[in-house]
C-alpha cells in the first residue's frame, strides 16, 4: 500500500516541477524579447543619430499624454 502514496507524491512533485520550469521558460523568453529590442534600439540609434532625438520626443509626448489620462481619474 505504500506504493500509491509514493506515486502521488512523485506525481505532485512532477506537476510542481513542470509549473516551475514553465515559469522559468516564460521568464527567459521575456528576457530574450527585451534583449532583442535593446539590440534593435542600439543598432537603429547608431545607424541614424537623429532617431534618438525623435524617440526622446515621442517618449516625452507619451509621458505627457499618460499623465493627462491618469491624473484626470
C-alpha atoms as a PDB file:
ATOM      1  CA  UNK A   1       0.000   0.000   0.000  1.00  0.00           C
ATOM      2  CA  UNK A   2       2.967   2.338   0.301  1.00  0.00           C
ATOM      3  CA  UNK A   3       3.426   2.492  -3.436  1.00  0.00           C
ATOM      4  CA  UNK A   4       0.289   4.514  -4.311  1.00  0.00           C
ATOM      5  CA  UNK A   5       1.214   7.184  -1.759  1.00  0.00           C
ATOM      6  CA  UNK A   6       4.719   7.447  -3.175  1.00  0.00           C
ATOM      7  CA  UNK A   7       3.313   7.676  -6.675  1.00  0.00           C
ATOM      8  CA  UNK A   8       1.008  10.517  -5.626  1.00  0.00           C
ATOM      9  CA  UNK A   9       3.878  12.375  -4.005  1.00  0.00           C
ATOM     10  CA  UNK A  10       6.059  11.880  -7.061  1.00  0.00           C
ATOM     11  CA  UNK A  11       3.222  12.955  -9.345  1.00  0.00           C
ATOM     12  CA  UNK A  12       2.574  16.088  -7.270  1.00  0.00           C
ATOM     13  CA  UNK A  13       6.272  16.917  -7.253  1.00  0.00           C
ATOM     14  CA  UNK A  14       6.440  16.369 -11.001  1.00  0.00           C
ATOM     15  CA  UNK A  15       3.474  18.654 -11.599  1.00  0.00           C
ATOM     16  CA  UNK A  16       5.031  21.340  -9.390  1.00  0.00           C
ATOM     17  CA  UNK A  17       8.376  20.952 -11.159  1.00  0.00           C
ATOM     18  CA  UNK A  18       6.684  21.315 -14.551  1.00  0.00           C
ATOM     19  CA  UNK A  19       4.963  24.513 -13.396  1.00  0.00           C
ATOM     20  CA  UNK A  20       8.260  25.907 -12.120  1.00  0.00           C
ATOM     21  CA  UNK A  21      10.024  25.028 -15.358  1.00  0.00           C
ATOM     22  CA  UNK A  22       7.253  26.641 -17.407  1.00  0.00           C
ATOM     23  CA  UNK A  23       7.593  29.860 -15.375  1.00  0.00           C
ATOM     24  CA  UNK A  24      11.349  29.827 -15.889  1.00  0.00           C
ATOM     25  CA  UNK A  25      10.947  29.319 -19.648  1.00  0.00           C
ATOM     26  CA  UNK A  26       8.476  32.225 -19.823  1.00  0.00           C
ATOM     27  CA  UNK A  27      10.860  34.461 -17.865  1.00  0.00           C
ATOM     28  CA  UNK A  28      13.743  33.574 -20.186  1.00  0.00           C
ATOM     29  CA  UNK A  29      11.547  34.242 -23.225  1.00  0.00           C
ATOM     30  CA  UNK A  30      10.620  37.668 -21.831  1.00  0.00           C
ATOM     31  CA  UNK A  31      14.278  38.472 -21.203  1.00  0.00           C
ATOM     32  CA  UNK A  32      15.098  37.385 -24.736  1.00  0.00           C
ATOM     33  CA  UNK A  33      12.461  39.721 -26.167  1.00  0.00           C
ATOM     34  CA  UNK A  34      13.731  42.625 -24.052  1.00  0.00           C
ATOM     35  CA  UNK A  35      17.305  41.944 -25.138  1.00  0.00           C
ATOM     36  CA  UNK A  36      16.253  41.794 -28.783  1.00  0.00           C
ATOM     37  CA  UNK A  37      14.554  45.201 -28.519  1.00  0.00           C
ATOM     38  CA  UNK A  38      17.604  46.658 -26.752  1.00  0.00           C
ATOM     39  CA  UNK A  39      19.870  45.467 -29.571  1.00  0.00           C
ATOM     40  CA  UNK A  40      17.435  46.761 -32.188  1.00  0.00           C
ATOM     41  CA  UNK A  41      17.349  50.168 -30.499  1.00  0.00           C
ATOM     42  CA  UNK A  42      21.149  50.250 -30.297  1.00  0.00           C
ATOM     43  CA  UNK A  43      21.561  49.402 -33.972  1.00  0.00           C
ATOM     44  CA  UNK A  44      18.878  51.907 -35.000  1.00  0.00           C
ATOM     45  CA  UNK A  45      20.471  54.688 -32.940  1.00  0.00           C
ATOM     46  CA  UNK A  46      23.933  54.017 -34.340  1.00  0.00           C
ATOM     47  CA  UNK A  47      22.578  53.906 -37.870  1.00  0.00           C
ATOM     48  CA  UNK A  48      20.626  57.163 -37.598  1.00  0.00           C
ATOM     49  CA  UNK A  49      21.567  59.543 -34.733  1.00  0.00           C
ATOM     50  CA  UNK A  50      18.513  61.726 -35.434  1.00  0.00           C
ATOM     51  CA  UNK A  51      16.348  58.794 -34.490  1.00  0.00           C
ATOM     52  CA  UNK A  52      17.411  59.227 -30.860  1.00  0.00           C
ATOM     53  CA  UNK A  53      16.044  62.758 -30.747  1.00  0.00           C
ATOM     54  CA  UNK A  54      12.806  61.606 -32.360  1.00  0.00           C
ATOM     55  CA  UNK A  55      12.483  58.772 -29.861  1.00  0.00           C
ATOM     56  CA  UNK A  56      13.018  61.162 -26.942  1.00  0.00           C
ATOM     57  CA  UNK A  57      10.318  63.478 -28.293  1.00  0.00           C
ATOM     58  CA  UNK A  58       7.935  60.550 -28.654  1.00  0.00           C
ATOM     59  CA  UNK A  59       8.719  59.383 -25.115  1.00  0.00           C
ATOM     60  CA  UNK A  60       8.084  62.870 -23.728  1.00  0.00           C
ATOM     61  CA  UNK A  61       4.797  63.112 -25.639  1.00  0.00           C
ATOM     62  CA  UNK A  62       3.779  59.695 -24.356  1.00  0.00           C
ATOM     63  CA  UNK A  63       4.572  60.672 -20.766  1.00  0.00           C
ATOM     64  CA  UNK A  64       2.547  63.893 -21.089  1.00  0.00           C
ATOM     65  CA  UNK A  65      -0.388  62.008 -22.587  1.00  0.00           C
ATOM     66  CA  UNK A  66      -0.231  59.309 -19.934  1.00  0.00           C
ATOM     67  CA  UNK A  67      -0.070  61.906 -17.168  1.00  0.00           C
ATOM     68  CA  UNK A  68      -3.098  63.692 -18.617  1.00  0.00           C
ATOM     69  CA  UNK A  69      -5.101  60.467 -18.821  1.00  0.00           C
ATOM     70  CA  UNK A  70      -4.194  59.016 -15.432  1.00  0.00           C
ATOM     71  CA  UNK A  71      -4.104  62.281 -13.476  1.00  0.00           C
ATOM     72  CA  UNK A  72      -7.639  63.048 -14.613  1.00  0.00           C
ATOM     73  CA  UNK A  73      -9.048  59.927 -12.942  1.00  0.00           C
END
